[in-house]
């Protein structure tokens, strides 16, 4: 489904390190819809995923951080702040602080 949305092969999706993929208990992999704006991944998200991917235990932690309110972002969630396209640097700063903690 994600491959169709993005207009690429399933192999291209599975090798894309800029997408958040979550392994379910069943072993299947899912791609959270919150990371897309229409038919494109949200701009700036790939940088956040790479940054946090080296600092957190699981991709589920990244998903939780992206969708939780953040005082550094005025109470917005990081994904909301990225979606607006105006606060990518603020989200990057917040992600760096989270990764360092």
PDB file of N, CA and C in Angstrom:
ATOM      1  N   UNK A   1       0.809  -1.190   0.000  1.00  0.00           N
ATOM      2  CA  UNK A   1       0.000   0.000   0.000  1.00  0.00           C
ATOM      3  C   UNK A   1       0.866   1.274   0.000  1.00  0.00           C
ATOM      4  N   UNK A   2       1.911   1.316   0.823  1.00  0.00           N
ATOM      5  CA  UNK A   2       2.798   2.476   0.862  1.00  0.00           C
ATOM      6  C   UNK A   2       3.536   2.615  -0.464  1.00  0.00           C
ATOM      7  N   UNK A   3       3.929   1.491  -1.034  1.00  0.00           N
ATOM      8  CA  UNK A   3       4.615   1.537  -2.333  1.00  0.00           C
ATOM      9  C   UNK A   3       3.709   2.167  -3.382  1.00  0.00           C
ATOM     10  N   UNK A   4       2.445   1.780  -3.372  1.00  0.00           N
ATOM     11  CA  UNK A   4       1.493   2.370  -4.320  1.00  0.00           C
ATOM     12  C   UNK A   4       1.310   3.860  -4.069  1.00  0.00           C
ATOM     13  N   UNK A   5       1.198   4.241  -2.813  1.00  0.00           N
ATOM     14  CA  UNK A   5       1.029   5.645  -2.439  1.00  0.00           C
ATOM     15  C   UNK A   5       2.189   6.492  -2.959  1.00  0.00           C
ATOM     16  N   UNK A   6       3.403   5.986  -2.783  1.00  0.00           N
ATOM     17  CA  UNK A   6       4.592   6.737  -3.174  1.00  0.00           C
ATOM     18  C   UNK A   6       4.979   6.530  -4.635  1.00  0.00           C
ATOM     19  N   UNK A   7       4.352   5.549  -5.280  1.00  0.00           N
ATOM     20  CA  UNK A   7       4.660   5.288  -6.676  1.00  0.00           C
ATOM     21  C   UNK A   7       6.022   4.648  -6.879  1.00  0.00           C
ATOM     22  N   UNK A   8       6.413   3.788  -5.924  1.00  0.00           N
ATOM     23  CA  UNK A   8       7.698   3.100  -6.006  1.00  0.00           C
ATOM     24  C   UNK A   8       7.475   1.612  -5.763  1.00  0.00           C
ATOM     25  N   UNK A   9       8.528   0.832  -5.919  1.00  0.00           N
ATOM     26  CA  UNK A   9       8.425  -0.610  -5.686  1.00  0.00           C
ATOM     27  C   UNK A   9       8.417  -0.908  -4.187  1.00  0.00           C
ATOM     28  N   UNK A  10       7.880  -2.070  -3.804  1.00  0.00           N
ATOM     29  CA  UNK A  10       7.944  -2.463  -2.388  1.00  0.00           C
ATOM     30  C   UNK A  10       9.390  -2.535  -1.875  1.00  0.00           C
ATOM     31  N   UNK A  11      10.321  -2.921  -2.739  1.00  0.00           N
ATOM     32  CA  UNK A  11      11.724  -2.980  -2.337  1.00  0.00           C
ATOM     33  C   UNK A  11      12.257  -1.584  -2.019  1.00  0.00           C
ATOM     34  N   UNK A  12      11.833  -0.591  -2.796  1.00  0.00           N
ATOM     35  CA  UNK A  12      12.264   0.785  -2.541  1.00  0.00           C
ATOM     36  C   UNK A  12      11.726   1.276  -1.204  1.00  0.00           C
ATOM     37  N   UNK A  13      10.509   0.887  -0.875  1.00  0.00           N
ATOM     38  CA  UNK A  13       9.934   1.279   0.413  1.00  0.00           C
ATOM     39  C   UNK A  13      10.714   0.628   1.547  1.00  0.00           C
ATOM     40  N   UNK A  14      10.968  -0.670   1.444  1.00  0.00           N
ATOM     41  CA  UNK A  14      11.641  -1.370   2.544  1.00  0.00           C
ATOM     42  C   UNK A  14      13.080  -0.915   2.746  1.00  0.00           C
ATOM     43  N   UNK A  15      13.710  -0.374   1.704  1.00  0.00           N
ATOM     44  CA  UNK A  15      15.088   0.102   1.859  1.00  0.00           C
ATOM     45  C   UNK A  15      15.161   1.600   2.168  1.00  0.00           C
ATOM     46  N   UNK A  16      14.020   2.260   2.238  1.00  0.00           N
ATOM     47  CA  UNK A  16      13.988   3.699   2.504  1.00  0.00           C
ATOM     48  C   UNK A  16      14.192   3.945   3.992  1.00  0.00           C
ATOM     49  N   UNK A  17      15.338   4.502   4.364  1.00  0.00           N
ATOM     50  CA  UNK A  17      15.629   4.757   5.778  1.00  0.00           C
ATOM     51  C   UNK A  17      14.959   6.035   6.282  1.00  0.00           C
ATOM     52  N   UNK A  18      14.299   6.757   5.393  1.00  0.00           N
ATOM     53  CA  UNK A  18      13.625   7.984   5.792  1.00  0.00           C
ATOM     54  C   UNK A  18      12.176   7.783   6.181  1.00  0.00           C
ATOM     55  N   UNK A  19      11.729   6.533   6.185  1.00  0.00           N
ATOM     56  CA  UNK A  19      10.362   6.230   6.601  1.00  0.00           C
ATOM     57  C   UNK A  19      10.395   5.488   7.926  1.00  0.00           C
ATOM     58  N   UNK A  20       9.443   5.804   8.778  1.00  0.00           N
ATOM     59  CA  UNK A  20       9.316   5.108  10.046  1.00  0.00           C
ATOM     60  C   UNK A  20       8.525   3.828   9.813  1.00  0.00           C
ATOM     61  N   UNK A  21       9.135   2.692  10.130  1.00  0.00           N
ATOM     62  CA  UNK A  21       8.446   1.422  10.002  1.00  0.00           C
ATOM     63  C   UNK A  21       8.374   0.764  11.373  1.00  0.00           C
ATOM     64  N   UNK A  22       7.216   0.245  11.669  1.00  0.00           N
ATOM     65  CA  UNK A  22       6.985  -0.350  12.978  1.00  0.00           C
ATOM     66  C   UNK A  22       6.685  -1.833  12.828  1.00  0.00           C
ATOM     67  N   UNK A  23       7.413  -2.652  13.567  1.00  0.00           N
ATOM     68  CA  UNK A  23       7.184  -4.090  13.552  1.00  0.00           C
ATOM     69  C   UNK A  23       6.080  -4.411  14.559  1.00  0.00           C
ATOM     70  N   UNK A  24       5.050  -5.078  14.067  1.00  0.00           N
ATOM     71  CA  UNK A  24       3.916  -5.461  14.905  1.00  0.00           C
ATOM     72  C   UNK A  24       4.223  -6.781  15.621  1.00  0.00           C
ATOM     73  N   UNK A  25       3.414  -7.100  16.611  1.00  0.00           N
ATOM     74  CA  UNK A  25       3.597  -8.369  17.319  1.00  0.00           C
ATOM     75  C   UNK A  25       3.510  -9.558  16.377  1.00  0.00           C
ATOM     76  N   UNK A  26       2.704  -9.429  15.345  1.00  0.00           N
ATOM     77  CA  UNK A  26       2.534 -10.515  14.375  1.00  0.00           C
ATOM     78  C   UNK A  26       3.771 -10.708  13.510  1.00  0.00           C
ATOM     79  N   UNK A  27       4.713  -9.770  13.578  1.00  0.00           N
ATOM     80  CA  UNK A  27       5.895  -9.820  12.734  1.00  0.00           C
ATOM     81  C   UNK A  27       5.765  -8.976  11.476  1.00  0.00           C
ATOM     82  N   UNK A  28       4.543  -8.568  11.166  1.00  0.00           N
ATOM     83  CA  UNK A  28       4.331  -7.713  10.000  1.00  0.00           C
ATOM     84  C   UNK A  28       4.877  -6.320  10.271  1.00  0.00           C
ATOM     85  N   UNK A  29       5.164  -5.599   9.200  1.00  0.00           N
ATOM     86  CA  UNK A  29       5.686  -4.242   9.300  1.00  0.00           C
ATOM     87  C   UNK A  29       4.608  -3.272   8.859  1.00  0.00           C
ATOM     88  N   UNK A  30       4.465  -2.190   9.614  1.00  0.00           N
ATOM     89  CA  UNK A  30       3.503  -1.143   9.267  1.00  0.00           C
ATOM     90  C   UNK A  30       4.194   0.203   9.158  1.00  0.00           C
ATOM     91  N   UNK A  31       3.601   1.070   8.377  1.00  0.00           N
ATOM     92  CA  UNK A  31       4.115   2.421   8.172  1.00  0.00           C
ATOM     93  C   UNK A  31       3.047   3.402   8.655  1.00  0.00           C
ATOM     94  N   UNK A  32       3.266   4.076   9.778  1.00  0.00           N
ATOM     95  CA  UNK A  32       2.240   4.962  10.324  1.00  0.00           C
ATOM     96  C   UNK A  32       1.830   6.053   9.331  1.00  0.00           C
ATOM     97  N   UNK A  33       0.536   6.244   9.219  1.00  0.00           N
ATOM     98  CA  UNK A  33      -0.002   7.213   8.272  1.00  0.00           C
ATOM     99  C   UNK A  33       0.350   8.647   8.664  1.00  0.00           C
ATOM    100  N   UNK A  34       0.620   8.892   9.942  1.00  0.00           N
ATOM    101  CA  UNK A  34       0.912  10.268  10.368  1.00  0.00           C
ATOM    102  C   UNK A  34       2.160  10.834   9.719  1.00  0.00           C
ATOM    103  N   UNK A  35       3.011   9.990   9.157  1.00  0.00           N
ATOM    104  CA  UNK A  35       4.255  10.480   8.572  1.00  0.00           C
ATOM    105  C   UNK A  35       4.102  10.955   7.135  1.00  0.00           C
ATOM    106  N   UNK A  36       2.888  10.902   6.612  1.00  0.00           N
ATOM    107  CA  UNK A  36       2.653  11.306   5.225  1.00  0.00           C
ATOM    108  C   UNK A  36       1.781  12.555   5.155  1.00  0.00           C
ATOM    109  N   UNK A  37       2.086  13.375   4.162  1.00  0.00           N
ATOM    110  CA  UNK A  37       1.248  14.521   3.805  1.00  0.00           C
ATOM    111  C   UNK A  37       0.844  14.276   2.357  1.00  0.00           C
ATOM    112  N   UNK A  38      -0.360  13.804   2.169  1.00  0.00           N
ATOM    113  CA  UNK A  38      -0.782  13.415   0.830  1.00  0.00           C
ATOM    114  C   UNK A  38      -0.011  12.190   0.392  1.00  0.00           C
ATOM    115  N   UNK A  39       0.668  12.295  -0.727  1.00  0.00           N
ATOM    116  CA  UNK A  39       1.420  11.165  -1.277  1.00  0.00           C
ATOM    117  C   UNK A  39       2.917  11.274  -1.045  1.00  0.00           C
ATOM    118  N   UNK A  40       3.307  12.063  -0.072  1.00  0.00           N
ATOM    119  CA  UNK A  40       4.731  12.274   0.224  1.00  0.00           C
ATOM    120  C   UNK A  40       4.984  12.174   1.729  1.00  0.00           C
ATOM    121  N   UNK A  41       6.172  11.678   2.093  1.00  0.00           N
ATOM    122  CA  UNK A  41       6.552  11.757   3.505  1.00  0.00           C
ATOM    123  C   UNK A  41       6.695  13.224   3.910  1.00  0.00           C
ATOM    124  N   UNK A  42       6.420  13.529   5.142  1.00  0.00           N
ATOM    125  CA  UNK A  42       6.536  14.900   5.641  1.00  0.00           C
ATOM    126  C   UNK A  42       7.991  15.340   5.569  1.00  0.00           C
ATOM    127  N   UNK A  43       8.180  16.510   5.015  1.00  0.00           N
ATOM    128  CA  UNK A  43       9.528  17.059   4.855  1.00  0.00           C
ATOM    129  C   UNK A  43      10.199  17.213   6.223  1.00  0.00           C
ATOM    130  N   UNK A  44      11.435  16.777   6.304  1.00  0.00           N
ATOM    131  CA  UNK A  44      12.212  16.876   7.535  1.00  0.00           C
ATOM    132  C   UNK A  44      12.123  15.644   8.419  1.00  0.00           C
ATOM    133  N   UNK A  45      11.151  14.781   8.155  1.00  0.00           N
ATOM    134  CA  UNK A  45      10.968  13.601   9.005  1.00  0.00           C
ATOM    135  C   UNK A  45      12.142  12.631   8.897  1.00  0.00           C
ATOM    136  N   UNK A  46      12.674  12.452   7.714  1.00  0.00           N
ATOM    137  CA  UNK A  46      13.791  11.515   7.532  1.00  0.00           C
ATOM    138  C   UNK A  46      14.976  11.887   8.423  1.00  0.00           C
ATOM    139  N   UNK A  47      15.257  13.175   8.544  1.00  0.00           N
ATOM    140  CA  UNK A  47      16.363  13.623   9.404  1.00  0.00           C
ATOM    141  C   UNK A  47      16.110  13.250  10.856  1.00  0.00           C
ATOM    142  N   UNK A  48      14.885  13.421  11.300  1.00  0.00           N
ATOM    143  CA  UNK A  48      14.529  13.098  12.687  1.00  0.00           C
ATOM    144  C   UNK A  48      14.652  11.597  12.929  1.00  0.00           C
ATOM    145  N   UNK A  49      14.162  10.800  11.990  1.00  0.00           N
ATOM    146  CA  UNK A  49      14.233   9.345  12.133  1.00  0.00           C
ATOM    147  C   UNK A  49      15.680   8.887  12.217  1.00  0.00           C
ATOM    148  N   UNK A  50      16.547   9.430  11.378  1.00  0.00           N
ATOM    149  CA  UNK A  50      17.966   9.064  11.425  1.00  0.00           C
ATOM    150  C   UNK A  50      18.606   9.493  12.744  1.00  0.00           C
ATOM    151  N   UNK A  51      18.293  10.702  13.179  1.00  0.00           N
ATOM    152  CA  UNK A  51      18.861  11.211  14.429  1.00  0.00           C
ATOM    153  C   UNK A  51      18.437  10.360  15.621  1.00  0.00           C
ATOM    154  N   UNK A  52      17.153  10.097  15.750  1.00  0.00           N
ATOM    155  CA  UNK A  52      16.662   9.345  16.901  1.00  0.00           C
ATOM    156  C   UNK A  52      16.939   7.853  16.788  1.00  0.00           C
ATOM    157  N   UNK A  53      17.047   7.356  15.565  1.00  0.00           N
ATOM    158  CA  UNK A  53      17.269   5.928  15.361  1.00  0.00           C
ATOM    159  C   UNK A  53      18.534   5.402  16.010  1.00  0.00           C
ATOM    160  N   UNK A  54      19.522   6.256  16.168  1.00  0.00           N
ATOM    161  CA  UNK A  54      20.780   5.835  16.798  1.00  0.00           C
ATOM    162  C   UNK A  54      20.754   6.009  18.312  1.00  0.00           C
ATOM    163  N   UNK A  55      19.714   6.670  18.833  1.00  0.00           N
ATOM    164  CA  UNK A  55      19.710   7.008  20.257  1.00  0.00           C
ATOM    165  C   UNK A  55      18.623   6.315  21.068  1.00  0.00           C
ATOM    166  N   UNK A  56      17.632   5.734  20.421  1.00  0.00           N
ATOM    167  CA  UNK A  56      16.515   5.138  21.160  1.00  0.00           C
ATOM    168  C   UNK A  56      16.488   3.631  20.951  1.00  0.00           C
ATOM    169  N   UNK A  57      15.747   2.953  21.827  1.00  0.00           N
ATOM    170  CA  UNK A  57      15.718   1.487  21.801  1.00  0.00           C
ATOM    171  C   UNK A  57      14.943   0.920  20.620  1.00  0.00           C
ATOM    172  N   UNK A  58      13.801   1.525  20.294  1.00  0.00           N
ATOM    173  CA  UNK A  58      12.975   0.963  19.219  1.00  0.00           C
ATOM    174  C   UNK A  58      12.344   2.072  18.389  1.00  0.00           C
ATOM    175  N   UNK A  59      11.867   1.703  17.224  1.00  0.00           N
ATOM    176  CA  UNK A  59      11.141   2.652  16.380  1.00  0.00           C
ATOM    177  C   UNK A  59       9.819   3.069  17.013  1.00  0.00           C
ATOM    178  N   UNK A  60       9.293   2.229  17.898  1.00  0.00           N
ATOM    179  CA  UNK A  60       8.074   2.603  18.621  1.00  0.00           C
ATOM    180  C   UNK A  60       8.329   3.826  19.507  1.00  0.00           C
ATOM    181  N   UNK A  61       9.531   3.954  20.043  1.00  0.00           N
ATOM    182  CA  UNK A  61       9.887   5.132  20.844  1.00  0.00           C
ATOM    183  C   UNK A  61       9.869   6.380  19.967  1.00  0.00           C
ATOM    184  N   UNK A  62      10.369   6.263  18.748  1.00  0.00           N
ATOM    185  CA  UNK A  62      10.344   7.392  17.817  1.00  0.00           C
ATOM    186  C   UNK A  62       8.895   7.776  17.508  1.00  0.00           C
ATOM    187  N   UNK A  63       8.056   6.782  17.243  1.00  0.00           N
ATOM    188  CA  UNK A  63       6.640   7.055  16.956  1.00  0.00           C
ATOM    189  C   UNK A  63       5.977   7.755  18.129  1.00  0.00           C
ATOM    190  N   UNK A  64       6.269   7.302  19.332  1.00  0.00           N
ATOM    191  CA  UNK A  64       5.693   7.921  20.528  1.00  0.00           C
ATOM    192  C   UNK A  64       6.171   9.361  20.676  1.00  0.00           C
ATOM    193  N   UNK A  65       7.457   9.597  20.483  1.00  0.00           N
ATOM    194  CA  UNK A  65       7.996  10.958  20.600  1.00  0.00           C
ATOM    195  C   UNK A  65       7.373  11.886  19.558  1.00  0.00           C
ATOM    196  N   UNK A  66       7.255  11.405  18.330  1.00  0.00           N
ATOM    197  CA  UNK A  66       6.694  12.232  17.254  1.00  0.00           C
ATOM    198  C   UNK A  66       5.251  12.630  17.503  1.00  0.00           C
ATOM    199  N   UNK A  67       4.511  11.810  18.222  1.00  0.00           N
ATOM    200  CA  UNK A  67       3.073  12.046  18.390  1.00  0.00           C
ATOM    201  C   UNK A  67       2.686  12.512  19.795  1.00  0.00           C
ATOM    202  N   UNK A  68       3.676  12.812  20.614  1.00  0.00           N
ATOM    203  CA  UNK A  68       3.414  13.309  21.976  1.00  0.00           C
ATOM    204  C   UNK A  68       3.644  14.816  22.028  1.00  0.00           C
ATOM    205  N   UNK A  69       2.830  15.507  22.818  1.00  0.00           N
ATOM    206  CA  UNK A  69       3.018  16.950  22.949  1.00  0.00           C
ATOM    207  C   UNK A  69       4.404  17.234  23.514  1.00  0.00           C
ATOM    208  N   UNK A  70       4.943  18.362  23.094  1.00  0.00           N
ATOM    209  CA  UNK A  70       6.318  18.701  23.449  1.00  0.00           C
ATOM    210  C   UNK A  70       6.366  20.160  23.891  1.00  0.00           C
ATOM    211  N   UNK A  71       6.792  20.388  25.127  1.00  0.00           N
ATOM    212  CA  UNK A  71       6.850  21.748  25.665  1.00  0.00           C
ATOM    213  C   UNK A  71       7.790  22.640  24.856  1.00  0.00           C
ATOM    214  N   UNK A  72       8.864  22.059  24.320  1.00  0.00           N
ATOM    215  CA  UNK A  72       9.812  22.836  23.512  1.00  0.00           C
ATOM    216  C   UNK A  72       9.182  23.349  22.218  1.00  0.00           C
ATOM    217  N   UNK A  73       8.064  22.744  21.842  1.00  0.00           N
ATOM    218  CA  UNK A  73       7.377  23.126  20.599  1.00  0.00           C
ATOM    219  C   UNK A  73       6.050  23.814  20.891  1.00  0.00           C
ATOM    220  N   UNK A  74       5.964  24.427  22.065  1.00  0.00           N
ATOM    221  CA  UNK A  74       4.759  25.162  22.436  1.00  0.00           C
ATOM    222  C   UNK A  74       3.546  24.275  22.633  1.00  0.00           C
ATOM    223  N   UNK A  75       3.785  23.005  22.987  1.00  0.00           N
ATOM    224  CA  UNK A  75       2.682  22.077  23.219  1.00  0.00           C
ATOM    225  C   UNK A  75       2.246  21.311  21.983  1.00  0.00           C
ATOM    226  N   UNK A  76       2.808  21.639  20.832  1.00  0.00           N
ATOM    227  CA  UNK A  76       2.527  20.861  19.615  1.00  0.00           C
ATOM    228  C   UNK A  76       3.270  19.533  19.686  1.00  0.00           C
ATOM    229  N   UNK A  77       2.838  18.582  18.887  1.00  0.00           N
ATOM    230  CA  UNK A  77       3.623  17.360  18.732  1.00  0.00           C
ATOM    231  C   UNK A  77       4.693  17.637  17.678  1.00  0.00           C
ATOM    232  N   UNK A  78       5.801  16.928  17.729  1.00  0.00           N
ATOM    233  CA  UNK A  78       6.824  17.127  16.704  1.00  0.00           C
ATOM    234  C   UNK A  78       6.295  16.900  15.280  1.00  0.00           C
ATOM    235  N   UNK A  79       5.433  15.917  15.092  1.00  0.00           N
ATOM    236  CA  UNK A  79       4.925  15.664  13.745  1.00  0.00           C
ATOM    237  C   UNK A  79       4.040  16.816  13.276  1.00  0.00           C
ATOM    238  N   UNK A  80       3.264  17.423  14.180  1.00  0.00           N
ATOM    239  CA  UNK A  80       2.463  18.599  13.813  1.00  0.00           C
ATOM    240  C   UNK A  80       3.364  19.761  13.422  1.00  0.00           C
ATOM    241  N   UNK A  81       4.422  19.950  14.194  1.00  0.00           N
ATOM    242  CA  UNK A  81       5.352  21.047  13.909  1.00  0.00           C
ATOM    243  C   UNK A  81       6.048  20.841  12.563  1.00  0.00           C
ATOM    244  N   UNK A  82       6.419  19.608  12.252  1.00  0.00           N
ATOM    245  CA  UNK A  82       7.025  19.331  10.939  1.00  0.00           C
ATOM    246  C   UNK A  82       6.010  19.531   9.816  1.00  0.00           C
ATOM    247  N   UNK A  83       4.791  19.124  10.057  1.00  0.00           N
ATOM    248  CA  UNK A  83       3.742  19.219   9.037  1.00  0.00           C
ATOM    249  C   UNK A  83       3.527  20.665   8.590  1.00  0.00           C
ATOM    250  N   UNK A  84       3.684  21.616   9.504  1.00  0.00           N
ATOM    251  CA  UNK A  84       3.494  23.022   9.136  1.00  0.00           C
ATOM    252  C   UNK A  84       4.606  23.508   8.221  1.00  0.00           C
ATOM    253  N   UNK A  85       5.779  22.849   8.306  1.00  0.00           N
ATOM    254  CA  UNK A  85       6.895  23.206   7.446  1.00  0.00           C
ATOM    255  C   UNK A  85       7.665  24.432   7.888  1.00  0.00           C
ATOM    256  N   UNK A  86       7.249  25.062   8.963  1.00  0.00           N
ATOM    257  CA  UNK A  86       7.907  26.296   9.391  1.00  0.00           C
ATOM    258  C   UNK A  86       8.830  26.098  10.591  1.00  0.00           C
ATOM    259  N   UNK A  87       8.769  24.927  11.221  1.00  0.00           N
ATOM    260  CA  UNK A  87       9.504  24.765  12.475  1.00  0.00           C
ATOM    261  C   UNK A  87      10.429  23.552  12.472  1.00  0.00           C
ATOM    262  N   UNK A  88      10.941  23.194  11.327  1.00  0.00           N
ATOM    263  CA  UNK A  88      11.802  22.008  11.233  1.00  0.00           C
ATOM    264  C   UNK A  88      13.030  22.125  12.130  1.00  0.00           C
ATOM    265  N   UNK A  89      13.641  23.294  12.191  1.00  0.00           N
ATOM    266  CA  UNK A  89      14.838  23.450  13.024  1.00  0.00           C
ATOM    267  C   UNK A  89      14.497  23.298  14.506  1.00  0.00           C
ATOM    268  N   UNK A  90      13.341  23.783  14.920  1.00  0.00           N
ATOM    269  CA  UNK A  90      12.918  23.612  16.313  1.00  0.00           C
ATOM    270  C   UNK A  90      12.707  22.137  16.637  1.00  0.00           C
ATOM    271  N   UNK A  91      12.136  21.396  15.704  1.00  0.00           N
ATOM    272  CA  UNK A  91      11.933  19.960  15.904  1.00  0.00           C
ATOM    273  C   UNK A  91      13.283  19.249  15.960  1.00  0.00           C
ATOM    274  N   UNK A  92      14.199  19.629  15.092  1.00  0.00           N
ATOM    275  CA  UNK A  92      15.546  19.041  15.130  1.00  0.00           C
ATOM    276  C   UNK A  92      16.225  19.302  16.464  1.00  0.00           C
ATOM    277  N   UNK A  93      16.107  20.513  16.964  1.00  0.00           N
ATOM    278  CA  UNK A  93      16.701  20.843  18.267  1.00  0.00           C
ATOM    279  C   UNK A  93      16.079  19.996  19.381  1.00  0.00           C
ATOM    280  N   UNK A  94      14.750  19.870  19.358  1.00  0.00           N
ATOM    281  CA  UNK A  94      14.057  19.067  20.375  1.00  0.00           C
ATOM    282  C   UNK A  94      14.474  17.602  20.265  1.00  0.00           C
ATOM    283  N   UNK A  95      14.636  17.095  19.053  1.00  0.00           N
ATOM    284  CA  UNK A  95      15.060  15.704  18.853  1.00  0.00           C
ATOM    285  C   UNK A  95      16.481  15.499  19.369  1.00  0.00           C
ATOM    286  N   UNK A  96      17.358  16.452  19.143  1.00  0.00           N
ATOM    287  CA  UNK A  96      18.726  16.344  19.657  1.00  0.00           C
ATOM    288  C   UNK A  96      18.729  16.278  21.193  1.00  0.00           C
ATOM    289  N   UNK A  97      17.907  17.121  21.813  1.00  0.00           N
ATOM    290  CA  UNK A  97      17.822  17.090  23.283  1.00  0.00           C
ATOM    291  C   UNK A  97      17.284  15.746  23.762  1.00  0.00           C
ATOM    292  N   UNK A  98      16.260  15.226  23.087  1.00  0.00           N
ATOM    293  CA  UNK A  98      15.684  13.946  23.454  1.00  0.00           C
ATOM    294  C   UNK A  98      16.718  12.829  23.279  1.00  0.00           C
ATOM    295  N   UNK A  99      17.447  12.856  22.194  1.00  0.00           N
ATOM    296  CA  UNK A  99      18.449  11.822  21.911  1.00  0.00           C
ATOM    297  C   UNK A  99      19.570  11.856  22.943  1.00  0.00           C
ATOM    298  N   UNK A 100      19.905  13.031  23.419  1.00  0.00           N
ATOM    299  CA  UNK A 100      20.992  13.167  24.393  1.00  0.00           C
ATOM    300  C   UNK A 100      20.583  12.746  25.794  1.00  0.00           C
ATOM    301  N   UNK A 101      19.285  12.730  26.039  1.00  0.00           N
ATOM    302  CA  UNK A 101      18.787  12.424  27.405  1.00  0.00           C
ATOM    303  C   UNK A 101      18.904  10.946  27.753  1.00  0.00           C
TER     304      UNK A 101
END
